[in-house]
Amino acid sequence: GKERELVAGIDSDGYANYADSVKGRFTISRDDAKNTVNL
């Protein structure tokens, strides 16, 4: 019943940002060498 929302993003330099609702609880990471992104 809700629209899709952005939870967390991470740029190519490793800088991350989070929705206020998850800030402090979620951590996003990326490994470009392995082509993976984790939350």
Full PDB file with SEQRES, HELIX, SHEET, SSBOND, CRYST1, ORIGX, SCALE, CONECT and MASTER records, all heavy atoms in Angstrom:
SEQRES   1 A   39  GLY LYS GLU ARG GLU LEU VAL ALA GLY ILE ASP SER ASP          
SEQRES   2 A   39  GLY TYR ALA ASN TYR ALA ASP SER VAL LYS GLY ARG PHE          
SEQRES   3 A   39  THR ILE SER ARG ASP ASP ALA LYS ASN THR VAL ASN LEU          
SHEET    1 AA1 2 ALA A   8  ILE A  10  0                                        
SHEET    2 AA1 2 ALA A  16  TYR A  18 -1                                        
SHEET    1 AA2 2 SER A  29  ASP A  31  0                                        
SHEET    2 AA2 2 THR A  36  ASN A  38 -1                                        
CRYST1    1.000    1.000    1.000  90.00  90.00  90.00 P 1           1          
ORIGX1      1.000000  0.000000  0.000000        0.00000                         
ORIGX2      0.000000  1.000000  0.000000        0.00000                         
ORIGX3      0.000000  0.000000  1.000000        0.00000                         
SCALE1      1.000000  0.000000  0.000000        0.00000                         
SCALE2      0.000000  1.000000  0.000000        0.00000                         
SCALE3      0.000000  0.000000  1.000000        0.00000                         
ATOM      1  N   GLY A   1       0.780  -1.225   0.000  1.00  0.00           N  
ATOM      2  CA  GLY A   1       0.000   0.000   0.000  1.00  0.00           C  
ATOM      3  C   GLY A   1       0.810   1.273   0.000  1.00  0.00           C  
ATOM      4  O   GLY A   1       0.236   2.366   0.043  1.00  0.00           O  
ATOM      5  N   LYS A   2       2.121   1.158  -0.045  1.00  0.00           N  
ATOM      6  CA  LYS A   2       2.983   2.328  -0.035  1.00  0.00           C  
ATOM      7  C   LYS A   2       3.864   2.352  -1.276  1.00  0.00           C  
ATOM      8  O   LYS A   2       4.078   1.336  -1.924  1.00  0.00           O  
ATOM      9  CB  LYS A   2       3.855   2.350   1.222  1.00  0.00           C  
ATOM     10  CG  LYS A   2       3.084   2.455   2.522  1.00  0.00           C  
ATOM     11  CD  LYS A   2       4.020   2.536   3.710  1.00  0.00           C  
ATOM     12  CE  LYS A   2       3.257   2.675   5.010  1.00  0.00           C  
ATOM     13  NZ  LYS A   2       4.179   2.747   6.174  1.00  0.00           N  
ATOM     14  N   GLU A   3       4.361   3.528  -1.594  1.00  0.00           N  
ATOM     15  CA  GLU A   3       5.270   3.669  -2.713  1.00  0.00           C  
ATOM     16  C   GLU A   3       6.667   3.211  -2.324  1.00  0.00           C  
ATOM     17  O   GLU A   3       7.041   3.229  -1.157  1.00  0.00           O  
ATOM     18  CB  GLU A   3       5.314   5.120  -3.192  1.00  0.00           C  
ATOM     19  CG  GLU A   3       4.010   5.618  -3.784  1.00  0.00           C  
ATOM     20  CD  GLU A   3       4.137   7.012  -4.366  1.00  0.00           C  
ATOM     21  OE1 GLU A   3       5.181   7.654  -4.167  1.00  0.00           O  
ATOM     22  OE2 GLU A   3       3.187   7.446  -5.026  1.00  0.00           O  
ATOM     23  N   ARG A   4       7.414   2.800  -3.335  1.00  0.00           N  
ATOM     24  CA  ARG A   4       8.789   2.423  -3.099  1.00  0.00           C  
ATOM     25  C   ARG A   4       9.578   3.642  -2.620  1.00  0.00           C  
ATOM     26  O   ARG A   4       9.408   4.748  -3.138  1.00  0.00           O  
ATOM     27  CB  ARG A   4       9.401   1.860  -4.387  1.00  0.00           C  
ATOM     28  CG  ARG A   4      10.807   1.318  -4.233  1.00  0.00           C  
ATOM     29  CD  ARG A   4      11.344   0.812  -5.572  1.00  0.00           C  
ATOM     30  NE  ARG A   4      10.734  -0.450  -5.981  1.00  0.00           N  
ATOM     31  CZ  ARG A   4       9.948  -0.594  -7.045  1.00  0.00           C  
ATOM     32  NH1 ARG A   4       9.663   0.436  -7.816  1.00  0.00           N  
ATOM     33  NH2 ARG A   4       9.455  -1.788  -7.340  1.00  0.00           N  
ATOM     34  N   GLU A   5      10.420   3.442  -1.621  1.00  0.00           N  
ATOM     35  CA  GLU A   5      11.200   4.532  -1.074  1.00  0.00           C  
ATOM     36  C   GLU A   5      12.674   4.171  -1.003  1.00  0.00           C  
ATOM     37  O   GLU A   5      13.043   3.006  -0.864  1.00  0.00           O  
ATOM     38  CB  GLU A   5      10.697   4.909   0.323  1.00  0.00           C  
ATOM     39  CG  GLU A   5      10.870   3.815   1.365  1.00  0.00           C  
ATOM     40  CD  GLU A   5      10.516   4.253   2.772  1.00  0.00           C  
ATOM     41  OE1 GLU A   5      10.472   5.469   3.036  1.00  0.00           O  
ATOM     42  OE2 GLU A   5      10.273   3.363   3.620  1.00  0.00           O  
ATOM     43  N   LEU A   6      13.502   5.174  -1.086  1.00  0.00           N  
ATOM     44  CA  LEU A   6      14.940   4.984  -0.951  1.00  0.00           C  
ATOM     45  C   LEU A   6      15.290   4.837   0.515  1.00  0.00           C  
ATOM     46  O   LEU A   6      14.929   5.684   1.335  1.00  0.00           O  
ATOM     47  CB  LEU A   6      15.690   6.162  -1.561  1.00  0.00           C  
ATOM     48  CG  LEU A   6      17.220   6.100  -1.501  1.00  0.00           C  
ATOM     49  CD1 LEU A   6      17.736   5.014  -2.431  1.00  0.00           C  
ATOM     50  CD2 LEU A   6      17.825   7.448  -1.868  1.00  0.00           C  
ATOM     51  N   VAL A   7      15.983   3.778   0.847  1.00  0.00           N  
ATOM     52  CA  VAL A   7      16.379   3.502   2.222  1.00  0.00           C  
ATOM     53  C   VAL A   7      17.796   3.985   2.489  1.00  0.00           C  
ATOM     54  O   VAL A   7      18.073   4.632   3.499  1.00  0.00           O  
ATOM     55  CB  VAL A   7      16.265   2.001   2.542  1.00  0.00           C  
ATOM     56  CG1 VAL A   7      16.794   1.693   3.936  1.00  0.00           C  
ATOM     57  CG2 VAL A   7      14.812   1.552   2.413  1.00  0.00           C  
ATOM     58  N   ALA A   8      18.702   3.639   1.602  1.00  0.00           N  
ATOM     59  CA  ALA A   8      20.104   3.991   1.769  1.00  0.00           C  
ATOM     60  C   ALA A   8      20.792   4.021   0.424  1.00  0.00           C  
ATOM     61  O   ALA A   8      20.469   3.232  -0.460  1.00  0.00           O  
ATOM     62  CB  ALA A   8      20.809   2.991   2.689  1.00  0.00           C  
ATOM     63  N   GLY A   9      21.735   4.918   0.270  1.00  0.00           N  
ATOM     64  CA  GLY A   9      22.515   5.008  -0.947  1.00  0.00           C  
ATOM     65  C   GLY A   9      23.984   5.143  -0.622  1.00  0.00           C  
ATOM     66  O   GLY A   9      24.346   5.643   0.439  1.00  0.00           O  
ATOM     67  N   ILE A  10      24.818   4.683  -1.536  1.00  0.00           N  
ATOM     68  CA  ILE A  10      26.256   4.788  -1.346  1.00  0.00           C  
ATOM     69  C   ILE A  10      26.908   5.101  -2.681  1.00  0.00           C  
ATOM     70  O   ILE A  10      26.629   4.446  -3.681  1.00  0.00           O  
ATOM     71  CB  ILE A  10      26.838   3.504  -0.709  1.00  0.00           C  
ATOM     72  CG1 ILE A  10      28.336   3.656  -0.443  1.00  0.00           C  
ATOM     73  CG2 ILE A  10      26.541   2.274  -1.564  1.00  0.00           C  
ATOM     74  CD1 ILE A  10      28.896   2.563   0.456  1.00  0.00           C  
ATOM     75  N   ASP A  11      27.753   6.127  -2.708  1.00  0.00           N  
ATOM     76  CA  ASP A  11      28.378   6.504  -3.955  1.00  0.00           C  
ATOM     77  C   ASP A  11      29.701   5.779  -4.154  1.00  0.00           C  
ATOM     78  O   ASP A  11      30.134   4.985  -3.320  1.00  0.00           O  
ATOM     79  CB  ASP A  11      28.516   8.034  -4.072  1.00  0.00           C  
ATOM     80  CG  ASP A  11      29.536   8.644  -3.119  1.00  0.00           C  
ATOM     81  OD1 ASP A  11      30.426   7.935  -2.613  1.00  0.00           O  
ATOM     82  OD2 ASP A  11      29.453   9.870  -2.887  1.00  0.00           O  
ATOM     83  N   SER A  12      30.327   6.049  -5.276  1.00  0.00           N  
ATOM     84  CA  SER A  12      31.533   5.327  -5.645  1.00  0.00           C  
ATOM     85  C   SER A  12      32.723   5.630  -4.749  1.00  0.00           C  
ATOM     86  O   SER A  12      33.712   4.890  -4.775  1.00  0.00           O  
ATOM     87  CB  SER A  12      31.897   5.620  -7.100  1.00  0.00           C  
ATOM     88  OG  SER A  12      32.085   7.007  -7.311  1.00  0.00           O  
ATOM     89  N   ASP A  13      32.639   6.695  -3.969  1.00  0.00           N  
ATOM     90  CA  ASP A  13      33.685   7.023  -3.005  1.00  0.00           C  
ATOM     91  C   ASP A  13      33.417   6.429  -1.629  1.00  0.00           C  
ATOM     92  O   ASP A  13      34.224   6.591  -0.716  1.00  0.00           O  
ATOM     93  CB  ASP A  13      33.844   8.538  -2.882  1.00  0.00           C  
ATOM     94  CG  ASP A  13      34.382   9.172  -4.140  1.00  0.00           C  
ATOM     95  OD1 ASP A  13      35.310   8.595  -4.749  1.00  0.00           O  
ATOM     96  OD2 ASP A  13      33.884  10.251  -4.522  1.00  0.00           O  
ATOM     97  N   GLY A  14      32.285   5.762  -1.493  1.00  0.00           N  
ATOM     98  CA  GLY A  14      31.955   5.137  -0.229  1.00  0.00           C  
ATOM     99  C   GLY A  14      31.125   5.991   0.702  1.00  0.00           C  
ATOM    100  O   GLY A  14      30.856   5.579   1.838  1.00  0.00           O  
ATOM    101  N   TYR A  15      30.718   7.162   0.255  1.00  0.00           N  
ATOM    102  CA  TYR A  15      29.873   8.016   1.087  1.00  0.00           C  
ATOM    103  C   TYR A  15      28.434   7.538   1.036  1.00  0.00           C  
ATOM    104  O   TYR A  15      27.885   7.323  -0.041  1.00  0.00           O  
ATOM    105  CB  TYR A  15      29.963   9.469   0.643  1.00  0.00           C  
ATOM    106  CG  TYR A  15      31.324  10.078   0.872  1.00  0.00           C  
ATOM    107  CD1 TYR A  15      32.188  10.308  -0.188  1.00  0.00           C  
ATOM    108  CD2 TYR A  15      31.743  10.417   2.158  1.00  0.00           C  
ATOM    109  CE1 TYR A  15      33.443  10.855   0.017  1.00  0.00           C  
ATOM    110  CE2 TYR A  15      32.998  10.969   2.370  1.00  0.00           C  
ATOM    111  CZ  TYR A  15      33.846  11.187   1.300  1.00  0.00           C  
ATOM    112  OH  TYR A  15      35.096  11.737   1.515  1.00  0.00           O  
ATOM    113  N   ALA A  16      27.847   7.387   2.191  1.00  0.00           N  
ATOM    114  CA  ALA A  16      26.506   6.850   2.298  1.00  0.00           C  
ATOM    115  C   ALA A  16      25.538   7.867   2.870  1.00  0.00           C  
ATOM    116  O   ALA A  16      25.922   8.773   3.614  1.00  0.00           O  
ATOM    117  CB  ALA A  16      26.507   5.605   3.178  1.00  0.00           C  
ATOM    118  N   ASN A  17      24.289   7.711   2.507  1.00  0.00           N  
ATOM    119  CA  ASN A  17      23.228   8.495   3.113  1.00  0.00           C  
ATOM    120  C   ASN A  17      22.036   7.588   3.351  1.00  0.00           C  
ATOM    121  O   ASN A  17      21.875   6.562   2.691  1.00  0.00           O  
ATOM    122  CB  ASN A  17      22.850   9.708   2.252  1.00  0.00           C  
ATOM    123  CG  ASN A  17      22.276   9.319   0.903  1.00  0.00           C  
ATOM    124  OD1 ASN A  17      21.076   9.082   0.779  1.00  0.00           O  
ATOM    125  ND2 ASN A  17      23.132   9.254  -0.109  1.00  0.00           N  
ATOM    126  N   TYR A  18      21.208   7.975   4.306  1.00  0.00           N  
ATOM    127  CA  TYR A  18      20.123   7.118   4.745  1.00  0.00           C  
ATOM    128  C   TYR A  18      18.837   7.901   4.923  1.00  0.00           C  
ATOM    129  O   TYR A  18      18.852   9.096   5.231  1.00  0.00           O  
ATOM    130  CB  TYR A  18      20.473   6.457   6.081  1.00  0.00           C  
ATOM    131  CG  TYR A  18      21.739   5.642   6.038  1.00  0.00           C  
ATOM    132  CD1 TYR A  18      22.976   6.224   6.308  1.00  0.00           C  
ATOM    133  CD2 TYR A  18      21.702   4.292   5.722  1.00  0.00           C  
ATOM    134  CE1 TYR A  18      24.145   5.477   6.260  1.00  0.00           C  
ATOM    135  CE2 TYR A  18      22.855   3.545   5.669  1.00  0.00           C  
ATOM    136  CZ  TYR A  18      24.078   4.139   5.939  1.00  0.00           C  
ATOM    137  OH  TYR A  18      25.232   3.396   5.889  1.00  0.00           O  
ATOM    138  N   ALA A  19      17.744   7.204   4.737  1.00  0.00           N  
ATOM    139  CA  ALA A  19      16.470   7.780   5.108  1.00  0.00           C  
ATOM    140  C   ALA A  19      16.454   8.009   6.613  1.00  0.00           C  
ATOM    141  O   ALA A  19      17.043   7.244   7.377  1.00  0.00           O  
ATOM    142  CB  ALA A  19      15.330   6.851   4.699  1.00  0.00           C  
ATOM    143  N   ASP A  20      15.784   9.069   7.027  1.00  0.00           N  
ATOM    144  CA  ASP A  20      15.744   9.382   8.453  1.00  0.00           C  
ATOM    145  C   ASP A  20      15.206   8.220   9.284  1.00  0.00           C  
ATOM    146  O   ASP A  20      15.624   8.019  10.424  1.00  0.00           O  
ATOM    147  CB  ASP A  20      14.893  10.629   8.696  1.00  0.00           C  
ATOM    148  CG  ASP A  20      15.567  11.899   8.239  1.00  0.00           C  
ATOM    149  OD1 ASP A  20      16.797  11.899   8.041  1.00  0.00           O  
ATOM    150  OD2 ASP A  20      14.862  12.915   8.079  1.00  0.00           O  
ATOM    151  N   SER A  21      14.301   7.462   8.703  1.00  0.00           N  
ATOM    152  CA  SER A  21      13.665   6.382   9.438  1.00  0.00           C  
ATOM    153  C   SER A  21      14.612   5.238   9.780  1.00  0.00           C  
ATOM    154  O   SER A  21      14.320   4.450  10.683  1.00  0.00           O  
ATOM    155  CB  SER A  21      12.474   5.842   8.646  1.00  0.00           C  
ATOM    156  OG  SER A  21      12.887   5.350   7.383  1.00  0.00           O  
ATOM    157  N   VAL A  22      15.731   5.127   9.072  1.00  0.00           N  
ATOM    158  CA  VAL A  22      16.665   4.030   9.311  1.00  0.00           C  
ATOM    159  C   VAL A  22      18.032   4.505   9.759  1.00  0.00           C  
ATOM    160  O   VAL A  22      18.893   3.681  10.092  1.00  0.00           O  
ATOM    161  CB  VAL A  22      16.817   3.132   8.068  1.00  0.00           C  
ATOM    162  CG1 VAL A  22      15.458   2.681   7.560  1.00  0.00           C  
ATOM    163  CG2 VAL A  22      17.593   3.843   6.962  1.00  0.00           C  
ATOM    164  N   LYS A  23      18.242   5.792   9.779  1.00  0.00           N  
ATOM    165  CA  LYS A  23      19.544   6.347  10.144  1.00  0.00           C  
ATOM    166  C   LYS A  23      19.951   5.891  11.541  1.00  0.00           C  
ATOM    167  O   LYS A  23      19.170   5.963  12.486  1.00  0.00           O  
ATOM    168  CB  LYS A  23      19.497   7.869  10.055  1.00  0.00           C  
ATOM    169  CG  LYS A  23      20.858   8.549  10.113  1.00  0.00           C  
ATOM    170  CD  LYS A  23      20.731  10.042   9.804  1.00  0.00           C  
ATOM    171  CE  LYS A  23      20.261  10.270   8.380  1.00  0.00           C  
ATOM    172  NZ  LYS A  23      20.196  11.718   8.030  1.00  0.00           N  
ATOM    173  N   GLY A  24      21.184   5.423  11.651  1.00  0.00           N  
ATOM    174  CA  GLY A  24      21.690   4.930  12.914  1.00  0.00           C  
ATOM    175  C   GLY A  24      21.430   3.467  13.152  1.00  0.00           C  
ATOM    176  O   GLY A  24      21.987   2.883  14.088  1.00  0.00           O  
ATOM    177  N   ARG A  25      20.592   2.863  12.318  1.00  0.00           N  
ATOM    178  CA  ARG A  25      20.265   1.450  12.471  1.00  0.00           C  
ATOM    179  C   ARG A  25      20.754   0.611  11.290  1.00  0.00           C  
ATOM    180  O   ARG A  25      21.088  -0.558  11.472  1.00  0.00           O  
ATOM    181  CB  ARG A  25      18.760   1.261  12.625  1.00  0.00           C  
ATOM    182  CG  ARG A  25      18.176   1.961  13.848  1.00  0.00           C  
ATOM    183  CD  ARG A  25      16.711   1.594  14.044  1.00  0.00           C  
ATOM    184  NE  ARG A  25      15.873   2.030  12.928  1.00  0.00           N  
ATOM    185  CZ  ARG A  25      15.157   1.208  12.155  1.00  0.00           C  
ATOM    186  NH1 ARG A  25      15.181  -0.101  12.384  1.00  0.00           N  
ATOM    187  NH2 ARG A  25      14.407   1.690  11.167  1.00  0.00           N  
ATOM    188  N   PHE A  26      20.763   1.192  10.100  1.00  0.00           N  
ATOM    189  CA  PHE A  26      21.157   0.474   8.890  1.00  0.00           C  
ATOM    190  C   PHE A  26      22.508   0.978   8.401  1.00  0.00           C  
ATOM    191  O   PHE A  26      22.839   2.162   8.550  1.00  0.00           O  
ATOM    192  CB  PHE A  26      20.138   0.687   7.769  1.00  0.00           C  
ATOM    193  CG  PHE A  26      18.797   0.039   7.983  1.00  0.00           C  
ATOM    194  CD1 PHE A  26      18.436  -0.525   9.199  1.00  0.00           C  
ATOM    195  CD2 PHE A  26      17.889   0.001   6.935  1.00  0.00           C  
ATOM    196  CE1 PHE A  26      17.194  -1.113   9.381  1.00  0.00           C  
ATOM    197  CE2 PHE A  26      16.646  -0.587   7.103  1.00  0.00           C  
ATOM    198  CZ  PHE A  26      16.295  -1.143   8.321  1.00  0.00           C  
ATOM    199  N   THR A  27      23.262   0.090   7.785  1.00  0.00           N  
ATOM    200  CA  THR A  27      24.537   0.449   7.182  1.00  0.00           C  
ATOM    201  C   THR A  27      24.639  -0.170   5.800  1.00  0.00           C  
ATOM    202  O   THR A  27      24.502  -1.387   5.653  1.00  0.00           O  
ATOM    203  CB  THR A  27      25.729  -0.025   8.032  1.00  0.00           C  
ATOM    204  OG1 THR A  27      25.642   0.528   9.349  1.00  0.00           O  
ATOM    205  CG2 THR A  27      27.044   0.422   7.399  1.00  0.00           C  
ATOM    206  N   ILE A  28      24.866   0.659   4.805  1.00  0.00           N  
ATOM    207  CA  ILE A  28      25.031   0.177   3.438  1.00  0.00           C  
ATOM    208  C   ILE A  28      26.513   0.119   3.103  1.00  0.00           C  
ATOM    209  O   ILE A  28      27.303   0.945   3.556  1.00  0.00           O  
ATOM    210  CB  ILE A  28      24.268   1.080   2.441  1.00  0.00           C  
ATOM    211  CG1 ILE A  28      24.289   0.481   1.032  1.00  0.00           C  
ATOM    212  CG2 ILE A  28      24.824   2.500   2.442  1.00  0.00           C  
ATOM    213  CD1 ILE A  28      23.394   1.224   0.040  1.00  0.00           C  
ATOM    214  N   SER A  29      26.883  -0.864   2.319  1.00  0.00           N  
ATOM    215  CA  SER A  29      28.257  -0.991   1.870  1.00  0.00           C  
ATOM    216  C   SER A  29      28.270  -1.512   0.441  1.00  0.00           C  
ATOM    217  O   SER A  29      27.295  -2.102  -0.025  1.00  0.00           O  
ATOM    218  CB  SER A  29      29.054  -1.919   2.792  1.00  0.00           C  
ATOM    219  OG  SER A  29      28.493  -3.221   2.813  1.00  0.00           O  
ATOM    220  N   ARG A  30      29.365  -1.278  -0.258  1.00  0.00           N  
ATOM    221  CA  ARG A  30      29.503  -1.798  -1.613  1.00  0.00           C  
ATOM    222  C   ARG A  30      30.919  -2.281  -1.838  1.00  0.00           C  
ATOM    223  O   ARG A  30      31.876  -1.746  -1.278  1.00  0.00           O  
ATOM    224  CB  ARG A  30      29.114  -0.745  -2.663  1.00  0.00           C  
ATOM    225  CG  ARG A  30      30.042   0.459  -2.739  1.00  0.00           C  
ATOM    226  CD  ARG A  30      29.499   1.537  -3.676  1.00  0.00           C  
ATOM    227  NE  ARG A  30      29.607   1.183  -5.078  1.00  0.00           N  
ATOM    228  CZ  ARG A  30      29.102   1.905  -6.076  1.00  0.00           C  
ATOM    229  NH1 ARG A  30      28.417   3.028  -5.804  1.00  0.00           N  
ATOM    230  NH2 ARG A  30      29.255   1.514  -7.332  1.00  0.00           N  
ATOM    231  N   ASP A  31      31.033  -3.291  -2.665  1.00  0.00           N  
ATOM    232  CA  ASP A  31      32.316  -3.839  -3.045  1.00  0.00           C  
ATOM    233  C   ASP A  31      32.307  -3.937  -4.559  1.00  0.00           C  
ATOM    234  O   ASP A  31      31.782  -4.897  -5.124  1.00  0.00           O  
ATOM    235  CB  ASP A  31      32.552  -5.200  -2.400  1.00  0.00           C  
ATOM    236  CG  ASP A  31      33.952  -5.735  -2.638  1.00  0.00           C  
ATOM    237  OD1 ASP A  31      34.609  -5.302  -3.598  1.00  0.00           O  
ATOM    238  OD2 ASP A  31      34.397  -6.597  -1.853  1.00  0.00           O  
ATOM    239  N   ASP A  32      32.859  -2.930  -5.203  1.00  0.00           N  
ATOM    240  CA  ASP A  32      32.815  -2.889  -6.662  1.00  0.00           C  
ATOM    241  C   ASP A  32      33.614  -4.021  -7.299  1.00  0.00           C  
ATOM    242  O   ASP A  32      33.296  -4.463  -8.400  1.00  0.00           O  
ATOM    243  CB  ASP A  32      33.326  -1.543  -7.166  1.00  0.00           C  
ATOM    244  CG  ASP A  32      32.356  -0.409  -6.904  1.00  0.00           C  
ATOM    245  OD1 ASP A  32      31.327  -0.644  -6.243  1.00  0.00           O  
ATOM    246  OD2 ASP A  32      32.625   0.719  -7.364  1.00  0.00           O  
ATOM    247  N   ALA A  33      34.644  -4.490  -6.606  1.00  0.00           N  
ATOM    248  CA  ALA A  33      35.441  -5.590  -7.140  1.00  0.00           C  
ATOM    249  C   ALA A  33      34.637  -6.879  -7.196  1.00  0.00           C  
ATOM    250  O   ALA A  33      34.871  -7.725  -8.059  1.00  0.00           O  
ATOM    251  CB  ALA A  33      36.701  -5.785  -6.307  1.00  0.00           C  
ATOM    252  N   LYS A  34      33.704  -7.036  -6.274  1.00  0.00           N  
ATOM    253  CA  LYS A  34      32.865  -8.223  -6.218  1.00  0.00           C  
ATOM    254  C   LYS A  34      31.472  -7.982  -6.780  1.00  0.00           C  
ATOM    255  O   LYS A  34      30.665  -8.909  -6.841  1.00  0.00           O  
ATOM    256  CB  LYS A  34      32.752  -8.731  -4.783  1.00  0.00           C  
ATOM    257  CG  LYS A  34      34.065  -9.200  -4.189  1.00  0.00           C  
ATOM    258  CD  LYS A  34      33.873  -9.721  -2.774  1.00  0.00           C  
ATOM    259  CE  LYS A  34      35.169 -10.227  -2.193  1.00  0.00           C  
ATOM    260  NZ  LYS A  34      34.991 -10.729  -0.805  1.00  0.00           N  
ATOM    261  N   ASN A  35      31.204  -6.746  -7.164  1.00  0.00           N  
ATOM    262  CA  ASN A  35      29.896  -6.376  -7.704  1.00  0.00           C  
ATOM    263  C   ASN A  35      28.766  -6.698  -6.727  1.00  0.00           C  
ATOM    264  O   ASN A  35      27.727  -7.252  -7.106  1.00  0.00           O  
ATOM    265  CB  ASN A  35      29.655  -7.058  -9.055  1.00  0.00           C  
ATOM    266  CG  ASN A  35      30.687  -6.674 -10.081  1.00  0.00           C  
ATOM    267  OD1 ASN A  35      31.002  -5.496 -10.242  1.00  0.00           O  
ATOM    268  ND2 ASN A  35      31.223  -7.663 -10.789  1.00  0.00           N  
ATOM    269  N   THR A  36      28.988  -6.334  -5.475  1.00  0.00           N  
ATOM    270  CA  THR A  36      27.995  -6.589  -4.447  1.00  0.00           C  
ATOM    271  C   THR A  36      27.692  -5.330  -3.647  1.00  0.00           C  
ATOM    272  O   THR A  36      28.532  -4.439  -3.509  1.00  0.00           O  
ATOM    273  CB  THR A  36      28.450  -7.691  -3.474  1.00  0.00           C  
ATOM    274  OG1 THR A  36      29.677  -7.305  -2.845  1.00  0.00           O  
ATOM    275  CG2 THR A  36      28.653  -9.014  -4.200  1.00  0.00           C  
ATOM    276  N   VAL A  37      26.490  -5.281  -3.128  1.00  0.00           N  
ATOM    277  CA  VAL A  37      26.043  -4.215  -2.247  1.00  0.00           C  
ATOM    278  C   VAL A  37      25.294  -4.874  -1.098  1.00  0.00           C  
ATOM    279  O   VAL A  37      24.442  -5.731  -1.322  1.00  0.00           O  
ATOM    280  CB  VAL A  37      25.125  -3.214  -2.956  1.00  0.00           C  
ATOM    281  CG1 VAL A  37      24.774  -2.057  -2.022  1.00  0.00           C  
ATOM    282  CG2 VAL A  37      25.788  -2.673  -4.218  1.00  0.00           C  
ATOM    283  N   ASN A  38      25.621  -4.488   0.114  1.00  0.00           N  
ATOM    284  CA  ASN A  38      24.998  -5.092   1.280  1.00  0.00           C  
ATOM    285  C   ASN A  38      24.287  -4.049   2.119  1.00  0.00           C  
ATOM    286  O   ASN A  38      24.583  -2.862   2.058  1.00  0.00           O  
ATOM    287  CB  ASN A  38      26.042  -5.806   2.129  1.00  0.00           C  
ATOM    288  CG  ASN A  38      26.737  -6.934   1.390  1.00  0.00           C  
ATOM    289  OD1 ASN A  38      27.956  -6.927   1.240  1.00  0.00           O  
ATOM    290  ND2 ASN A  38      25.954  -7.896   0.918  1.00  0.00           N  
ATOM    291  N   LEU A  39      23.346  -4.521   2.899  1.00  0.00           N  
ATOM    292  CA  LEU A  39      22.635  -3.658   3.833  1.00  0.00           C  
ATOM    293  C   LEU A  39      22.535  -4.379   5.161  1.00  0.00           C  
ATOM    294  O   LEU A  39      21.819  -5.377   5.275  1.00  0.00           O  
ATOM    295  CB  LEU A  39      21.238  -3.307   3.313  1.00  0.00           C  
ATOM    296  CG  LEU A  39      20.445  -2.323   4.172  1.00  0.00           C  
ATOM    297  CD1 LEU A  39      21.082  -0.935   4.114  1.00  0.00           C  
ATOM    298  CD2 LEU A  39      18.990  -2.262   3.730  1.00  0.00           C  
TER     299      LEU A  39                                                      
MASTER        0    0    0    0    4    0    0    6  298    1    0    3          
END                                                                             
